[in-house]
Amino acid sequence: IEIADKIGVGLNQTVAVGDGANDLDMLAAA
């Protein structure tokens, strides 16, 4: 969220890629 805000990109314009439970919140936010 911080990086998207810094570069002026809406969250609907983000992609997150991960494999573990530690990535779940990031995948949900993207």
PDB file of all heavy atoms in Angstrom:
ATOM      1  N   ILE A   1       0.833  -1.201   0.000  1.00  0.00           N
ATOM      2  CA  ILE A   1       0.000   0.000   0.000  1.00  0.00           C
ATOM      3  C   ILE A   1       0.871   1.255   0.000  1.00  0.00           C
ATOM      4  O   ILE A   1       0.591   2.228  -0.719  1.00  0.00           O
ATOM      5  CB  ILE A   1      -0.943  -0.016   1.220  1.00  0.00           C
ATOM      6  CG1 ILE A   1      -1.951  -1.164   1.078  1.00  0.00           C
ATOM      7  CG2 ILE A   1      -1.673   1.307   1.368  1.00  0.00           C
ATOM      8  CD1 ILE A   1      -2.752  -1.456   2.336  1.00  0.00           C
ATOM      9  N   GLU A   2       1.957   1.243   0.783  1.00  0.00           N
ATOM     10  CA  GLU A   2       2.841   2.415   0.856  1.00  0.00           C
ATOM     11  C   GLU A   2       3.524   2.679  -0.482  1.00  0.00           C
ATOM     12  O   GLU A   2       3.633   3.834  -0.920  1.00  0.00           O
ATOM     13  CB  GLU A   2       3.889   2.199   1.945  1.00  0.00           C
ATOM     14  CG  GLU A   2       3.336   2.278   3.363  1.00  0.00           C
ATOM     15  CD  GLU A   2       4.370   1.906   4.411  1.00  0.00           C
ATOM     16  OE1 GLU A   2       5.560   1.714   4.028  1.00  0.00           O
ATOM     17  OE2 GLU A   2       4.014   1.793   5.590  1.00  0.00           O
ATOM     18  N   ILE A   3       3.999   1.623  -1.136  1.00  0.00           N
ATOM     19  CA  ILE A   3       4.667   1.812  -2.428  1.00  0.00           C
ATOM     20  C   ILE A   3       3.674   2.322  -3.467  1.00  0.00           C
ATOM     21  O   ILE A   3       3.975   3.229  -4.248  1.00  0.00           O
ATOM     22  CB  ILE A   3       5.321   0.500  -2.893  1.00  0.00           C
ATOM     23  CG1 ILE A   3       6.428   0.076  -1.927  1.00  0.00           C
ATOM     24  CG2 ILE A   3       5.899   0.656  -4.301  1.00  0.00           C
ATOM     25  CD1 ILE A   3       6.948  -1.324  -2.164  1.00  0.00           C
ATOM     26  N   ALA A   4       2.476   1.756  -3.485  1.00  0.00           N
ATOM     27  CA  ALA A   4       1.449   2.204  -4.429  1.00  0.00           C
ATOM     28  C   ALA A   4       1.132   3.679  -4.216  1.00  0.00           C
ATOM     29  O   ALA A   4       1.014   4.455  -5.177  1.00  0.00           O
ATOM     30  CB  ALA A   4       0.192   1.356  -4.274  1.00  0.00           C
ATOM     31  N   ASP A   5       1.011   4.076  -2.945  1.00  0.00           N
ATOM     32  CA  ASP A   5       0.733   5.474  -2.636  1.00  0.00           C
ATOM     33  C   ASP A   5       1.893   6.375  -3.061  1.00  0.00           C
ATOM     34  O   ASP A   5       1.688   7.467  -3.593  1.00  0.00           O
ATOM     35  CB  ASP A   5       0.462   5.618  -1.135  1.00  0.00           C
ATOM     36  CG  ASP A   5       0.064   7.032  -0.760  1.00  0.00           C
ATOM     37  OD1 ASP A   5      -0.979   7.509  -1.245  1.00  0.00           O
ATOM     38  OD2 ASP A   5       0.821   7.679   0.006  1.00  0.00           O
ATOM     39  N   LYS A   6       3.106   5.904  -2.842  1.00  0.00           N
ATOM     40  CA  LYS A   6       4.293   6.699  -3.178  1.00  0.00           C
ATOM     41  C   LYS A   6       4.387   6.978  -4.669  1.00  0.00           C
ATOM     42  O   LYS A   6       4.765   8.080  -5.085  1.00  0.00           O
ATOM     43  CB  LYS A   6       5.547   5.972  -2.697  1.00  0.00           C
ATOM     44  CG  LYS A   6       6.839   6.727  -2.965  1.00  0.00           C
ATOM     45  CD  LYS A   6       8.028   5.997  -2.358  1.00  0.00           C
ATOM     46  CE  LYS A   6       9.329   6.774  -2.580  1.00  0.00           C
ATOM     47  NZ  LYS A   6      10.491   6.084  -1.951  1.00  0.00           N
ATOM     48  N   ILE A   7       4.045   6.003  -5.491  1.00  0.00           N
ATOM     49  CA  ILE A   7       4.168   6.197  -6.936  1.00  0.00           C
ATOM     50  C   ILE A   7       2.857   6.651  -7.572  1.00  0.00           C
ATOM     51  O   ILE A   7       2.777   6.810  -8.796  1.00  0.00           O
ATOM     52  CB  ILE A   7       4.673   4.910  -7.624  1.00  0.00           C
ATOM     53  CG1 ILE A   7       3.652   3.780  -7.489  1.00  0.00           C
ATOM     54  CG2 ILE A   7       6.029   4.494  -7.060  1.00  0.00           C
ATOM     55  CD1 ILE A   7       4.052   2.522  -8.247  1.00  0.00           C
ATOM     56  N   GLY A   8       1.829   6.854  -6.740  1.00  0.00           N
ATOM     57  CA  GLY A   8       0.567   7.379  -7.245  1.00  0.00           C
ATOM     58  C   GLY A   8      -0.264   6.377  -8.015  1.00  0.00           C
ATOM     59  O   GLY A   8      -0.929   6.722  -9.003  1.00  0.00           O
ATOM     60  N   VAL A   9      -0.284   5.125  -7.560  1.00  0.00           N
ATOM     61  CA  VAL A   9      -1.028   4.069  -8.224  1.00  0.00           C
ATOM     62  C   VAL A   9      -2.143   3.578  -7.305  1.00  0.00           C
ATOM     63  O   VAL A   9      -1.905   3.335  -6.117  1.00  0.00           O
ATOM     64  CB  VAL A   9      -0.085   2.892  -8.584  1.00  0.00           C
ATOM     65  CG1 VAL A   9      -0.873   1.638  -8.920  1.00  0.00           C
ATOM     66  CG2 VAL A   9       0.808   3.274  -9.753  1.00  0.00           C
ATOM     67  N   GLY A  10      -3.355   3.452  -7.828  1.00  0.00           N
ATOM     68  CA  GLY A  10      -4.453   2.917  -7.039  1.00  0.00           C
ATOM     69  C   GLY A  10      -4.276   1.431  -6.803  1.00  0.00           C
ATOM     70  O   GLY A  10      -3.652   0.734  -7.607  1.00  0.00           O
ATOM     71  N   LEU A  11      -4.829   0.942  -5.718  1.00  0.00           N
ATOM     72  CA  LEU A  11      -4.661  -0.478  -5.400  1.00  0.00           C
ATOM     73  C   LEU A  11      -5.246  -1.381  -6.473  1.00  0.00           C
ATOM     74  O   LEU A  11      -4.802  -2.517  -6.648  1.00  0.00           O
ATOM     75  CB  LEU A  11      -5.285  -0.786  -4.037  1.00  0.00           C
ATOM     76  CG  LEU A  11      -4.543  -0.218  -2.822  1.00  0.00           C
ATOM     77  CD1 LEU A  11      -5.278  -0.580  -1.541  1.00  0.00           C
ATOM     78  CD2 LEU A  11      -3.107  -0.731  -2.773  1.00  0.00           C
ATOM     79  N   ASN A  12      -6.264  -0.903  -7.198  1.00  0.00           N
ATOM     80  CA  ASN A  12      -6.831  -1.727  -8.274  1.00  0.00           C
ATOM     81  C   ASN A  12      -5.860  -1.872  -9.442  1.00  0.00           C
ATOM     82  O   ASN A  12      -6.082  -2.674 -10.347  1.00  0.00           O
ATOM     83  CB  ASN A  12      -8.156  -1.145  -8.756  1.00  0.00           C
ATOM     84  CG  ASN A  12      -7.989   0.195  -9.434  1.00  0.00           C
ATOM     85  OD1 ASN A  12      -7.103   0.982  -9.080  1.00  0.00           O
ATOM     86  ND2 ASN A  12      -8.849   0.490 -10.382  1.00  0.00           N
ATOM     87  N   GLN A  13      -4.765  -1.116  -9.409  1.00  0.00           N
ATOM     88  CA  GLN A  13      -3.746  -1.197 -10.451  1.00  0.00           C
ATOM     89  C   GLN A  13      -2.487  -1.904  -9.940  1.00  0.00           C
ATOM     90  O   GLN A  13      -1.399  -1.692 -10.453  1.00  0.00           O
ATOM     91  CB  GLN A  13      -3.381   0.195 -10.952  1.00  0.00           C
ATOM     92  CG  GLN A  13      -4.524   0.916 -11.669  1.00  0.00           C
ATOM     93  CD  GLN A  13      -4.142   2.331 -12.029  1.00  0.00           C
ATOM     94  OE1 GLN A  13      -4.281   3.277 -11.256  1.00  0.00           O
ATOM     95  NE2 GLN A  13      -3.620   2.491 -13.230  1.00  0.00           N
ATOM     96  N   THR A  14      -2.638  -2.742  -8.937  1.00  0.00           N
ATOM     97  CA  THR A  14      -1.497  -3.456  -8.382  1.00  0.00           C
ATOM     98  C   THR A  14      -1.680  -4.961  -8.529  1.00  0.00           C
ATOM     99  O   THR A  14      -2.801  -5.468  -8.555  1.00  0.00           O
ATOM    100  CB  THR A  14      -1.293  -3.126  -6.893  1.00  0.00           C
ATOM    101  OG1 THR A  14      -2.424  -3.592  -6.136  1.00  0.00           O
ATOM    102  CG2 THR A  14      -1.142  -1.625  -6.677  1.00  0.00           C
ATOM    103  N   VAL A  15      -0.558  -5.651  -8.620  1.00  0.00           N
ATOM    104  CA  VAL A  15      -0.520  -7.112  -8.680  1.00  0.00           C
ATOM    105  C   VAL A  15       0.426  -7.586  -7.587  1.00  0.00           C
ATOM    106  O   VAL A  15       1.511  -7.031  -7.419  1.00  0.00           O
ATOM    107  CB  VAL A  15      -0.006  -7.606 -10.045  1.00  0.00           C
ATOM    108  CG1 VAL A  15       0.082  -9.137 -10.069  1.00  0.00           C
ATOM    109  CG2 VAL A  15      -0.893  -7.110 -11.180  1.00  0.00           C
ATOM    110  N   ALA A  16       0.020  -8.593  -6.843  1.00  0.00           N
ATOM    111  CA  ALA A  16       0.885  -9.208  -5.835  1.00  0.00           C
ATOM    112  C   ALA A  16       1.016 -10.688  -6.151  1.00  0.00           C
ATOM    113  O   ALA A  16       0.044 -11.337  -6.541  1.00  0.00           O
ATOM    114  CB  ALA A  16       0.326  -9.011  -4.436  1.00  0.00           C
ATOM    115  N   VAL A  17       2.233 -11.218  -5.954  1.00  0.00           N
ATOM    116  CA  VAL A  17       2.519 -12.613  -6.257  1.00  0.00           C
ATOM    117  C   VAL A  17       3.211 -13.240  -5.053  1.00  0.00           C
ATOM    118  O   VAL A  17       4.226 -12.708  -4.572  1.00  0.00           O
ATOM    119  CB  VAL A  17       3.425 -12.755  -7.500  1.00  0.00           C
ATOM    120  CG1 VAL A  17       3.601 -14.222  -7.864  1.00  0.00           C
ATOM    121  CG2 VAL A  17       2.874 -11.958  -8.672  1.00  0.00           C
ATOM    122  N   GLY A  18       2.684 -14.351  -4.548  1.00  0.00           N
ATOM    123  CA  GLY A  18       3.295 -15.013  -3.400  1.00  0.00           C
ATOM    124  C   GLY A  18       2.842 -16.443  -3.284  1.00  0.00           C
ATOM    125  O   GLY A  18       1.946 -16.894  -4.017  1.00  0.00           O
ATOM    126  N   ASP A  19       3.460 -17.162  -2.328  1.00  0.00           N
ATOM    127  CA  ASP A  19       3.172 -18.591  -2.230  1.00  0.00           C
ATOM    128  C   ASP A  19       2.742 -19.058  -0.844  1.00  0.00           C
ATOM    129  O   ASP A  19       2.224 -20.162  -0.696  1.00  0.00           O
ATOM    130  CB  ASP A  19       4.408 -19.398  -2.637  1.00  0.00           C
ATOM    131  CG  ASP A  19       5.493 -19.349  -1.564  1.00  0.00           C
ATOM    132  OD1 ASP A  19       5.938 -18.234  -1.209  1.00  0.00           O
ATOM    133  OD2 ASP A  19       5.889 -20.419  -1.069  1.00  0.00           O
ATOM    134  N   GLY A  20       2.983 -18.244   0.206  1.00  0.00           N
ATOM    135  CA  GLY A  20       2.754 -18.738   1.558  1.00  0.00           C
ATOM    136  C   GLY A  20       1.713 -17.954   2.329  1.00  0.00           C
ATOM    137  O   GLY A  20       1.238 -16.898   1.902  1.00  0.00           O
ATOM    138  N   ALA A  21       1.376 -18.480   3.517  1.00  0.00           N
ATOM    139  CA  ALA A  21       0.395 -17.810   4.366  1.00  0.00           C
ATOM    140  C   ALA A  21       0.843 -16.412   4.735  1.00  0.00           C
ATOM    141  O   ALA A  21       0.013 -15.515   4.951  1.00  0.00           O
ATOM    142  CB  ALA A  21       0.158 -18.640   5.629  1.00  0.00           C
ATOM    143  N   ASN A  22       2.147 -16.185   4.778  1.00  0.00           N
ATOM    144  CA  ASN A  22       2.679 -14.871   5.084  1.00  0.00           C
ATOM    145  C   ASN A  22       2.347 -13.841   4.004  1.00  0.00           C
ATOM    146  O   ASN A  22       2.482 -12.639   4.217  1.00  0.00           O
ATOM    147  CB  ASN A  22       4.199 -14.970   5.257  1.00  0.00           C
ATOM    148  CG  ASN A  22       4.780 -13.804   6.012  1.00  0.00           C
ATOM    149  OD1 ASN A  22       4.169 -13.289   6.932  1.00  0.00           O
ATOM    150  ND2 ASN A  22       5.964 -13.374   5.619  1.00  0.00           N
ATOM    151  N   ASP A  23       1.892 -14.315   2.840  1.00  0.00           N
ATOM    152  CA  ASP A  23       1.564 -13.418   1.726  1.00  0.00           C
ATOM    153  C   ASP A  23       0.070 -13.120   1.620  1.00  0.00           C
ATOM    154  O   ASP A  23      -0.338 -12.337   0.768  1.00  0.00           O
ATOM    155  CB  ASP A  23       2.033 -14.036   0.403  1.00  0.00           C
ATOM    156  CG  ASP A  23       3.528 -14.275   0.373  1.00  0.00           C
ATOM    157  OD1 ASP A  23       4.274 -13.350   0.695  1.00  0.00           O
ATOM    158  OD2 ASP A  23       3.940 -15.406   0.021  1.00  0.00           O
ATOM    159  N   LEU A  24      -0.742 -13.742   2.454  1.00  0.00           N
ATOM    160  CA  LEU A  24      -2.189 -13.644   2.281  1.00  0.00           C
ATOM    161  C   LEU A  24      -2.707 -12.216   2.342  1.00  0.00           C
ATOM    162  O   LEU A  24      -3.539 -11.817   1.517  1.00  0.00           O
ATOM    163  CB  LEU A  24      -2.902 -14.514   3.327  1.00  0.00           C
ATOM    164  CG  LEU A  24      -2.911 -16.016   3.035  1.00  0.00           C
ATOM    165  CD1 LEU A  24      -3.419 -16.795   4.246  1.00  0.00           C
ATOM    166  CD2 LEU A  24      -3.768 -16.320   1.807  1.00  0.00           C
ATOM    167  N   ASP A  25      -2.255 -11.425   3.308  1.00  0.00           N
ATOM    168  CA  ASP A  25      -2.746 -10.050   3.424  1.00  0.00           C
ATOM    169  C   ASP A  25      -2.322  -9.218   2.213  1.00  0.00           C
ATOM    170  O   ASP A  25      -3.086  -8.382   1.717  1.00  0.00           O
ATOM    171  CB  ASP A  25      -2.235  -9.402   4.711  1.00  0.00           C
ATOM    172  CG  ASP A  25      -2.871  -9.995   5.953  1.00  0.00           C
ATOM    173  OD1 ASP A  25      -3.714 -10.901   5.818  1.00  0.00           O
ATOM    174  OD2 ASP A  25      -2.510  -9.560   7.072  1.00  0.00           O
ATOM    175  N   MET A  26      -1.113  -9.438   1.735  1.00  0.00           N
ATOM    176  CA  MET A  26      -0.625  -8.718   0.560  1.00  0.00           C
ATOM    177  C   MET A  26      -1.442  -9.080  -0.674  1.00  0.00           C
ATOM    178  O   MET A  26      -1.829  -8.211  -1.464  1.00  0.00           O
ATOM    179  CB  MET A  26       0.852  -9.051   0.339  1.00  0.00           C
ATOM    180  CG  MET A  26       1.468  -8.429  -0.904  1.00  0.00           C
ATOM    181  SD  MET A  26       3.238  -8.808  -1.062  1.00  0.00           S
ATOM    182  CE  MET A  26       3.152 -10.530  -1.625  1.00  0.00           C
ATOM    183  N   LEU A  27      -1.735 -10.366  -0.841  1.00  0.00           N
ATOM    184  CA  LEU A  27      -2.536 -10.798  -1.981  1.00  0.00           C
ATOM    185  C   LEU A  27      -3.944 -10.218  -1.913  1.00  0.00           C
ATOM    186  O   LEU A  27      -4.533  -9.870  -2.939  1.00  0.00           O
ATOM    187  CB  LEU A  27      -2.602 -12.329  -2.027  1.00  0.00           C
ATOM    188  CG  LEU A  27      -1.280 -13.077  -2.221  1.00  0.00           C
ATOM    189  CD1 LEU A  27      -1.516 -14.579  -2.198  1.00  0.00           C
ATOM    190  CD2 LEU A  27      -0.593 -12.665  -3.512  1.00  0.00           C
ATOM    191  N   ALA A  28      -4.486 -10.123  -0.705  1.00  0.00           N
ATOM    192  CA  ALA A  28      -5.830  -9.566  -0.541  1.00  0.00           C
ATOM    193  C   ALA A  28      -5.858  -8.067  -0.806  1.00  0.00           C
ATOM    194  O   ALA A  28      -6.848  -7.534  -1.325  1.00  0.00           O
ATOM    195  CB  ALA A  28      -6.337  -9.865   0.865  1.00  0.00           C
ATOM    196  N   ALA A  29      -4.777  -7.371  -0.461  1.00  0.00           N
ATOM    197  CA  ALA A  29      -4.729  -5.919  -0.626  1.00  0.00           C
ATOM    198  C   ALA A  29      -4.585  -5.507  -2.085  1.00  0.00           C
ATOM    199  O   ALA A  29      -5.044  -4.437  -2.493  1.00  0.00           O
ATOM    200  CB  ALA A  29      -3.580  -5.338   0.194  1.00  0.00           C
ATOM    201  N   ALA A  30      -3.952  -6.346  -2.888  1.00  0.00           N
ATOM    202  CA  ALA A  30      -3.679  -5.996  -4.284  1.00  0.00           C
ATOM    203  C   ALA A  30      -4.938  -6.091  -5.136  1.00  0.00           C
ATOM    204  O   ALA A  30      -5.882  -6.812  -4.820  1.00  0.00           O
ATOM    205  CB  ALA A  30      -2.600  -6.921  -4.844  1.00  0.00           C
TER     206      ALA A  30
END
